[in-house]
Amino acid sequence: MVGNHVSHSNIKTKRKFYPNLVKKKFFLPEEKEFITLRVSTSALRTINKNGITACVKEARAKGYLK
């Protein structure tokens, strides 16, 4: 996403908005192993709500994970 950085003197220059990504290790109890994912902080909330197993299953079905 792009936008403008507006200075005090109202000069507008282009800037980018980046997602808030973090590296996080998750333990998958079914596979008895850890996986490291680079997810946004909003995705962390989804993982906490639905569970890591459901999120990994959905991501594999969509082709995001191996």
PDB file of N, CA and C in Angstrom:
ATOM      1  N   MET A   1       0.845  -1.150   0.000  1.00  0.00           N
ATOM      2  CA  MET A   1       0.000   0.000   0.000  1.00  0.00           C
ATOM      3  C   MET A   1       0.907   1.234   0.000  1.00  0.00           C
ATOM      4  N   VAL A   2       0.533   2.227  -0.738  1.00  0.00           N
ATOM      5  CA  VAL A   2       1.326   3.449  -0.822  1.00  0.00           C
ATOM      6  C   VAL A   2       0.499   4.634  -0.351  1.00  0.00           C
ATOM      7  N   GLY A   3       1.198   5.691   0.003  1.00  0.00           N
ATOM      8  CA  GLY A   3       0.531   6.907   0.446  1.00  0.00           C
ATOM      9  C   GLY A   3       1.515   8.048   0.429  1.00  0.00           C
ATOM     10  N   ASN A   4       1.190   9.090   1.134  1.00  0.00           N
ATOM     11  CA  ASN A   4       2.040  10.266   1.198  1.00  0.00           C
ATOM     12  C   ASN A   4       2.515  10.506   2.616  1.00  0.00           C
ATOM     13  N   HIS A   5       3.785  10.879   2.729  1.00  0.00           N
ATOM     14  CA  HIS A   5       4.313  11.401   3.982  1.00  0.00           C
ATOM     15  C   HIS A   5       4.164  12.914   3.896  1.00  0.00           C
ATOM     16  N   VAL A   6       3.449  13.502   4.823  1.00  0.00           N
ATOM     17  CA  VAL A   6       3.177  14.940   4.778  1.00  0.00           C
ATOM     18  C   VAL A   6       3.972  15.613   5.888  1.00  0.00           C
ATOM     19  N   SER A   7       4.863  16.524   5.493  1.00  0.00           N
ATOM     20  CA  SER A   7       5.690  17.230   6.463  1.00  0.00           C
ATOM     21  C   SER A   7       4.908  18.378   7.105  1.00  0.00           C
ATOM     22  N   HIS A   8       5.567  19.021   8.051  1.00  0.00           N
ATOM     23  CA  HIS A   8       4.944  20.155   8.740  1.00  0.00           C
ATOM     24  C   HIS A   8       4.644  21.293   7.759  1.00  0.00           C
ATOM     25  N   SER A   9       5.496  21.430   6.725  1.00  0.00           N
ATOM     26  CA  SER A   9       5.277  22.479   5.727  1.00  0.00           C
ATOM     27  C   SER A   9       4.359  22.011   4.593  1.00  0.00           C
ATOM     28  N   ASN A  10       3.697  20.879   4.784  1.00  0.00           N
ATOM     29  CA  ASN A  10       2.707  20.315   3.853  1.00  0.00           C
ATOM     30  C   ASN A  10       3.325  19.830   2.542  1.00  0.00           C
ATOM     31  N   ILE A  11       4.622  19.470   2.554  1.00  0.00           N
ATOM     32  CA  ILE A  11       5.256  18.863   1.386  1.00  0.00           C
ATOM     33  C   ILE A  11       4.925  17.373   1.399  1.00  0.00           C
ATOM     34  N   LYS A  12       4.452  16.861   0.277  1.00  0.00           N
ATOM     35  CA  LYS A  12       4.039  15.469   0.193  1.00  0.00           C
ATOM     36  C   LYS A  12       5.078  14.659  -0.583  1.00  0.00           C
ATOM     37  N   THR A  13       5.547  13.596   0.019  1.00  0.00           N
ATOM     38  CA  THR A  13       6.460  12.676  -0.644  1.00  0.00           C
ATOM     39  C   THR A  13       5.886  11.273  -0.518  1.00  0.00           C
ATOM     40  N   LYS A  14       6.157  10.438  -1.514  1.00  0.00           N
ATOM     41  CA  LYS A  14       5.615   9.077  -1.524  1.00  0.00           C
ATOM     42  C   LYS A  14       6.257   8.239  -0.426  1.00  0.00           C
ATOM     43  N   ARG A  15       5.474   7.357   0.137  1.00  0.00           N
ATOM     44  CA  ARG A  15       5.957   6.407   1.124  1.00  0.00           C
ATOM     45  C   ARG A  15       5.190   5.115   0.969  1.00  0.00           C
ATOM     46  N   LYS A  16       5.689   4.057   1.593  1.00  0.00           N
ATOM     47  CA  LYS A  16       5.035   2.750   1.545  1.00  0.00           C
ATOM     48  C   LYS A  16       4.622   2.335   2.947  1.00  0.00           C
ATOM     49  N   PHE A  17       3.518   1.619   3.029  1.00  0.00           N
ATOM     50  CA  PHE A  17       3.067   1.028   4.276  1.00  0.00           C
ATOM     51  C   PHE A  17       3.352  -0.462   4.201  1.00  0.00           C
ATOM     52  N   TYR A  18       4.166  -0.967   5.138  1.00  0.00           N
ATOM     53  CA  TYR A  18       4.540  -2.370   5.146  1.00  0.00           C
ATOM     54  C   TYR A  18       3.739  -3.118   6.205  1.00  0.00           C
ATOM     55  N   PRO A  19       3.466  -4.406   5.973  1.00  0.00           N
ATOM     56  CA  PRO A  19       2.760  -5.191   6.991  1.00  0.00           C
ATOM     57  C   PRO A  19       3.666  -5.439   8.192  1.00  0.00           C
ATOM     58  N   ASN A  20       3.058  -5.619   9.332  1.00  0.00           N
ATOM     59  CA  ASN A  20       3.789  -5.861  10.569  1.00  0.00           C
ATOM     60  C   ASN A  20       4.064  -7.358  10.671  1.00  0.00           C
ATOM     61  N   LEU A  21       5.221  -7.811  10.130  1.00  0.00           N
ATOM     62  CA  LEU A  21       5.560  -9.224  10.094  1.00  0.00           C
ATOM     63  C   LEU A  21       6.501  -9.591  11.232  1.00  0.00           C
ATOM     64  N   VAL A  22       6.267 -10.773  11.801  1.00  0.00           N
ATOM     65  CA  VAL A  22       7.133 -11.303  12.847  1.00  0.00           C
ATOM     66  C   VAL A  22       7.421 -12.769  12.538  1.00  0.00           C
ATOM     67  N   LYS A  23       8.616 -13.232  12.973  1.00  0.00           N
ATOM     68  CA  LYS A  23       8.948 -14.651  12.879  1.00  0.00           C
ATOM     69  C   LYS A  23       8.499 -15.317  14.168  1.00  0.00           C
ATOM     70  N   LYS A  24       7.800 -16.433  14.033  1.00  0.00           N
ATOM     71  CA  LYS A  24       7.239 -17.096  15.209  1.00  0.00           C
ATOM     72  C   LYS A  24       7.357 -18.597  15.027  1.00  0.00           C
ATOM     73  N   LYS A  25       7.781 -19.289  16.089  1.00  0.00           N
ATOM     74  CA  LYS A  25       7.860 -20.742  16.079  1.00  0.00           C
ATOM     75  C   LYS A  25       6.584 -21.303  16.691  1.00  0.00           C
ATOM     76  N   PHE A  26       6.012 -22.300  16.026  1.00  0.00           N
ATOM     77  CA  PHE A  26       4.811 -22.965  16.512  1.00  0.00           C
ATOM     78  C   PHE A  26       5.089 -24.454  16.633  1.00  0.00           C
ATOM     79  N   PHE A  27       4.497 -25.094  17.611  1.00  0.00           N
ATOM     80  CA  PHE A  27       4.630 -26.539  17.782  1.00  0.00           C
ATOM     81  C   PHE A  27       3.373 -27.204  17.253  1.00  0.00           C
ATOM     82  N   LEU A  28       3.579 -28.164  16.328  1.00  0.00           N
ATOM     83  CA  LEU A  28       2.469 -28.941  15.799  1.00  0.00           C
ATOM     84  C   LEU A  28       2.414 -30.268  16.540  1.00  0.00           C
ATOM     85  N   PRO A  29       1.429 -30.469  17.405  1.00  0.00           N
ATOM     86  CA  PRO A  29       1.387 -31.705  18.200  1.00  0.00           C
ATOM     87  C   PRO A  29       1.162 -32.959  17.360  1.00  0.00           C
ATOM     88  N   GLU A  30       0.424 -32.859  16.241  1.00  0.00           N
ATOM     89  CA  GLU A  30       0.159 -34.031  15.408  1.00  0.00           C
ATOM     90  C   GLU A  30       1.433 -34.548  14.751  1.00  0.00           C
ATOM     91  N   GLU A  31       2.311 -33.604  14.342  1.00  0.00           N
ATOM     92  CA  GLU A  31       3.551 -33.982  13.667  1.00  0.00           C
ATOM     93  C   GLU A  31       4.737 -34.016  14.628  1.00  0.00           C
ATOM     94  N   LYS A  32       4.520 -33.584  15.863  1.00  0.00           N
ATOM     95  CA  LYS A  32       5.553 -33.540  16.899  1.00  0.00           C
ATOM     96  C   LYS A  32       6.808 -32.808  16.428  1.00  0.00           C
ATOM     97  N   GLU A  33       6.611 -31.644  15.845  1.00  0.00           N
ATOM     98  CA  GLU A  33       7.738 -30.825  15.404  1.00  0.00           C
ATOM     99  C   GLU A  33       7.372 -29.349  15.448  1.00  0.00           C
ATOM    100  N   PHE A  34       8.402 -28.517  15.448  1.00  0.00           N
ATOM    101  CA  PHE A  34       8.228 -27.076  15.407  1.00  0.00           C
ATOM    102  C   PHE A  34       8.298 -26.602  13.961  1.00  0.00           C
ATOM    103  N   ILE A  35       7.520 -25.583  13.637  1.00  0.00           N
ATOM    104  CA  ILE A  35       7.640 -24.910  12.351  1.00  0.00           C
ATOM    105  C   ILE A  35       7.808 -23.417  12.636  1.00  0.00           C
ATOM    106  N   THR A  36       8.573 -22.764  11.778  1.00  0.00           N
ATOM    107  CA  THR A  36       8.776 -21.325  11.901  1.00  0.00           C
ATOM    108  C   THR A  36       8.022 -20.649  10.774  1.00  0.00           C
ATOM    109  N   LEU A  37       7.152 -19.730  11.132  1.00  0.00           N
ATOM    110  CA  LEU A  37       6.355 -19.006  10.156  1.00  0.00           C
ATOM    111  C   LEU A  37       6.641 -17.519  10.282  1.00  0.00           C
ATOM    112  N   ARG A  38       6.592 -16.832   9.150  1.00  0.00           N
ATOM    113  CA  ARG A  38       6.694 -15.373   9.133  1.00  0.00           C
ATOM    114  C   ARG A  38       5.286 -14.856   8.875  1.00  0.00           C
ATOM    115  N   VAL A  39       4.629 -14.428   9.926  1.00  0.00           N
ATOM    116  CA  VAL A  39       3.215 -14.059   9.847  1.00  0.00           C
ATOM    117  C   VAL A  39       3.016 -12.634  10.336  1.00  0.00           C
ATOM    118  N   SER A  40       1.913 -12.053   9.911  1.00  0.00           N
ATOM    119  CA  SER A  40       1.559 -10.725  10.397  1.00  0.00           C
ATOM    120  C   SER A  40       0.966 -10.854  11.801  1.00  0.00           C
ATOM    121  N   THR A  41       0.943  -9.758  12.505  1.00  0.00           N
ATOM    122  CA  THR A  41       0.410  -9.790  13.858  1.00  0.00           C
ATOM    123  C   THR A  41      -1.096 -10.048  13.855  1.00  0.00           C
ATOM    124  N   SER A  42      -1.781  -9.653  12.786  1.00  0.00           N
ATOM    125  CA  SER A  42      -3.209  -9.973  12.700  1.00  0.00           C
ATOM    126  C   SER A  42      -3.403 -11.470  12.460  1.00  0.00           C
ATOM    127  N   ALA A  43      -2.456 -12.111  11.760  1.00  0.00           N
ATOM    128  CA  ALA A  43      -2.535 -13.561  11.564  1.00  0.00           C
ATOM    129  C   ALA A  43      -2.289 -14.297  12.876  1.00  0.00           C
ATOM    130  N   LEU A  44      -1.464 -13.723  13.753  1.00  0.00           N
ATOM    131  CA  LEU A  44      -1.260 -14.334  15.071  1.00  0.00           C
ATOM    132  C   LEU A  44      -2.562 -14.396  15.857  1.00  0.00           C
ATOM    133  N   ARG A  45      -3.358 -13.355  15.728  1.00  0.00           N
ATOM    134  CA  ARG A  45      -4.663 -13.351  16.406  1.00  0.00           C
ATOM    135  C   ARG A  45      -5.564 -14.448  15.835  1.00  0.00           C
ATOM    136  N   THR A  46      -5.512 -14.640  14.517  1.00  0.00           N
ATOM    137  CA  THR A  46      -6.308 -15.690  13.879  1.00  0.00           C
ATOM    138  C   THR A  46      -5.844 -17.066  14.335  1.00  0.00           C
ATOM    139  N   ILE A  47      -4.516 -17.249  14.433  1.00  0.00           N
ATOM    140  CA  ILE A  47      -3.972 -18.533  14.890  1.00  0.00           C
ATOM    141  C   ILE A  47      -4.383 -18.791  16.331  1.00  0.00           C
ATOM    142  N   ASN A  48      -4.361 -17.767  17.167  1.00  0.00           N
ATOM    143  CA  ASN A  48      -4.800 -17.940  18.551  1.00  0.00           C
ATOM    144  C   ASN A  48      -6.282 -18.283  18.632  1.00  0.00           C
ATOM    145  N   LYS A  49      -7.065 -17.745  17.725  1.00  0.00           N
ATOM    146  CA  LYS A  49      -8.512 -17.986  17.740  1.00  0.00           C
ATOM    147  C   LYS A  49      -8.861 -19.376  17.220  1.00  0.00           C
ATOM    148  N   ASN A  50      -8.290 -19.752  16.045  1.00  0.00           N
ATOM    149  CA  ASN A  50      -8.663 -21.005  15.387  1.00  0.00           C
ATOM    150  C   ASN A  50      -7.772 -22.176  15.756  1.00  0.00           C
ATOM    151  N   GLY A  51      -6.570 -21.909  16.219  1.00  0.00           N
ATOM    152  CA  GLY A  51      -5.623 -22.977  16.520  1.00  0.00           C
ATOM    153  C   GLY A  51      -4.632 -23.136  15.382  1.00  0.00           C
ATOM    154  N   ILE A  52      -3.412 -23.547  15.726  1.00  0.00           N
ATOM    155  CA  ILE A  52      -2.357 -23.672  14.731  1.00  0.00           C
ATOM    156  C   ILE A  52      -2.643 -24.816  13.762  1.00  0.00           C
ATOM    157  N   THR A  53      -3.250 -25.889  14.241  1.00  0.00           N
ATOM    158  CA  THR A  53      -3.512 -27.039  13.379  1.00  0.00           C
ATOM    159  C   THR A  53      -4.478 -26.681  12.257  1.00  0.00           C
ATOM    160  N   ALA A  54      -5.539 -25.982  12.584  1.00  0.00           N
ATOM    161  CA  ALA A  54      -6.523 -25.593  11.575  1.00  0.00           C
ATOM    162  C   ALA A  54      -5.928 -24.607  10.580  1.00  0.00           C
ATOM    163  N   CYS A  55      -5.102 -23.685  11.056  1.00  0.00           N
ATOM    164  CA  CYS A  55      -4.498 -22.682  10.175  1.00  0.00           C
ATOM    165  C   CYS A  55      -3.482 -23.311   9.234  1.00  0.00           C
ATOM    166  N   VAL A  56      -2.681 -24.260   9.729  1.00  0.00           N
ATOM    167  CA  VAL A  56      -1.703 -24.935   8.872  1.00  0.00           C
ATOM    168  C   VAL A  56      -2.422 -25.796   7.837  1.00  0.00           C
ATOM    169  N   LYS A  57      -3.481 -26.453   8.233  1.00  0.00           N
ATOM    170  CA  LYS A  57      -4.254 -27.287   7.303  1.00  0.00           C
ATOM    171  C   LYS A  57      -4.838 -26.432   6.184  1.00  0.00           C
ATOM    172  N   GLU A  58      -5.376 -25.273   6.533  1.00  0.00           N
ATOM    173  CA  GLU A  58      -5.949 -24.361   5.537  1.00  0.00           C
ATOM    174  C   GLU A  58      -4.861 -23.793   4.623  1.00  0.00           C
ATOM    175  N   ALA A  59      -3.698 -23.457   5.184  1.00  0.00           N
ATOM    176  CA  ALA A  59      -2.596 -22.908   4.395  1.00  0.00           C
ATOM    177  C   ALA A  59      -2.056 -23.947   3.415  1.00  0.00           C
ATOM    178  N   ARG A  60      -1.974 -25.194   3.844  1.00  0.00           N
ATOM    179  CA  ARG A  60      -1.517 -26.261   2.936  1.00  0.00           C
ATOM    180  C   ARG A  60      -2.524 -26.508   1.826  1.00  0.00           C
ATOM    181  N   ALA A  61      -3.811 -26.402   2.139  1.00  0.00           N
ATOM    182  CA  ALA A  61      -4.838 -26.590   1.111  1.00  0.00           C
ATOM    183  C   ALA A  61      -4.779 -25.491   0.058  1.00  0.00           C
ATOM    184  N   LYS A  62      -4.418 -24.285   0.473  1.00  0.00           N
ATOM    185  CA  LYS A  62      -4.314 -23.165  -0.477  1.00  0.00           C
ATOM    186  C   LYS A  62      -2.966 -23.127  -1.183  1.00  0.00           C
ATOM    187  N   GLY A  63      -2.003 -23.953  -0.734  1.00  0.00           N
ATOM    188  CA  GLY A  63      -0.704 -23.991  -1.390  1.00  0.00           C
ATOM    189  C   GLY A  63       0.321 -23.052  -0.821  1.00  0.00           C
ATOM    190  N   TYR A  64       0.083 -22.480   0.359  1.00  0.00           N
ATOM    191  CA  TYR A  64       1.034 -21.555   0.968  1.00  0.00           C
ATOM    192  C   TYR A  64       2.174 -22.299   1.641  1.00  0.00           C
ATOM    193  N   LEU A  65       1.916 -23.509   2.144  1.00  0.00           N
ATOM    194  CA  LEU A  65       2.929 -24.320   2.812  1.00  0.00           C
ATOM    195  C   LEU A  65       3.115 -25.622   2.051  1.00  0.00           C
ATOM    196  N   LYS A  66       4.271 -26.225   2.289  1.00  0.00           N
ATOM    197  CA  LYS A  66       4.571 -27.519   1.652  1.00  0.00           C
ATOM    198  C   LYS A  66       3.867 -28.644   2.342  1.00  0.00           C
TER     199      LYS A  66
END
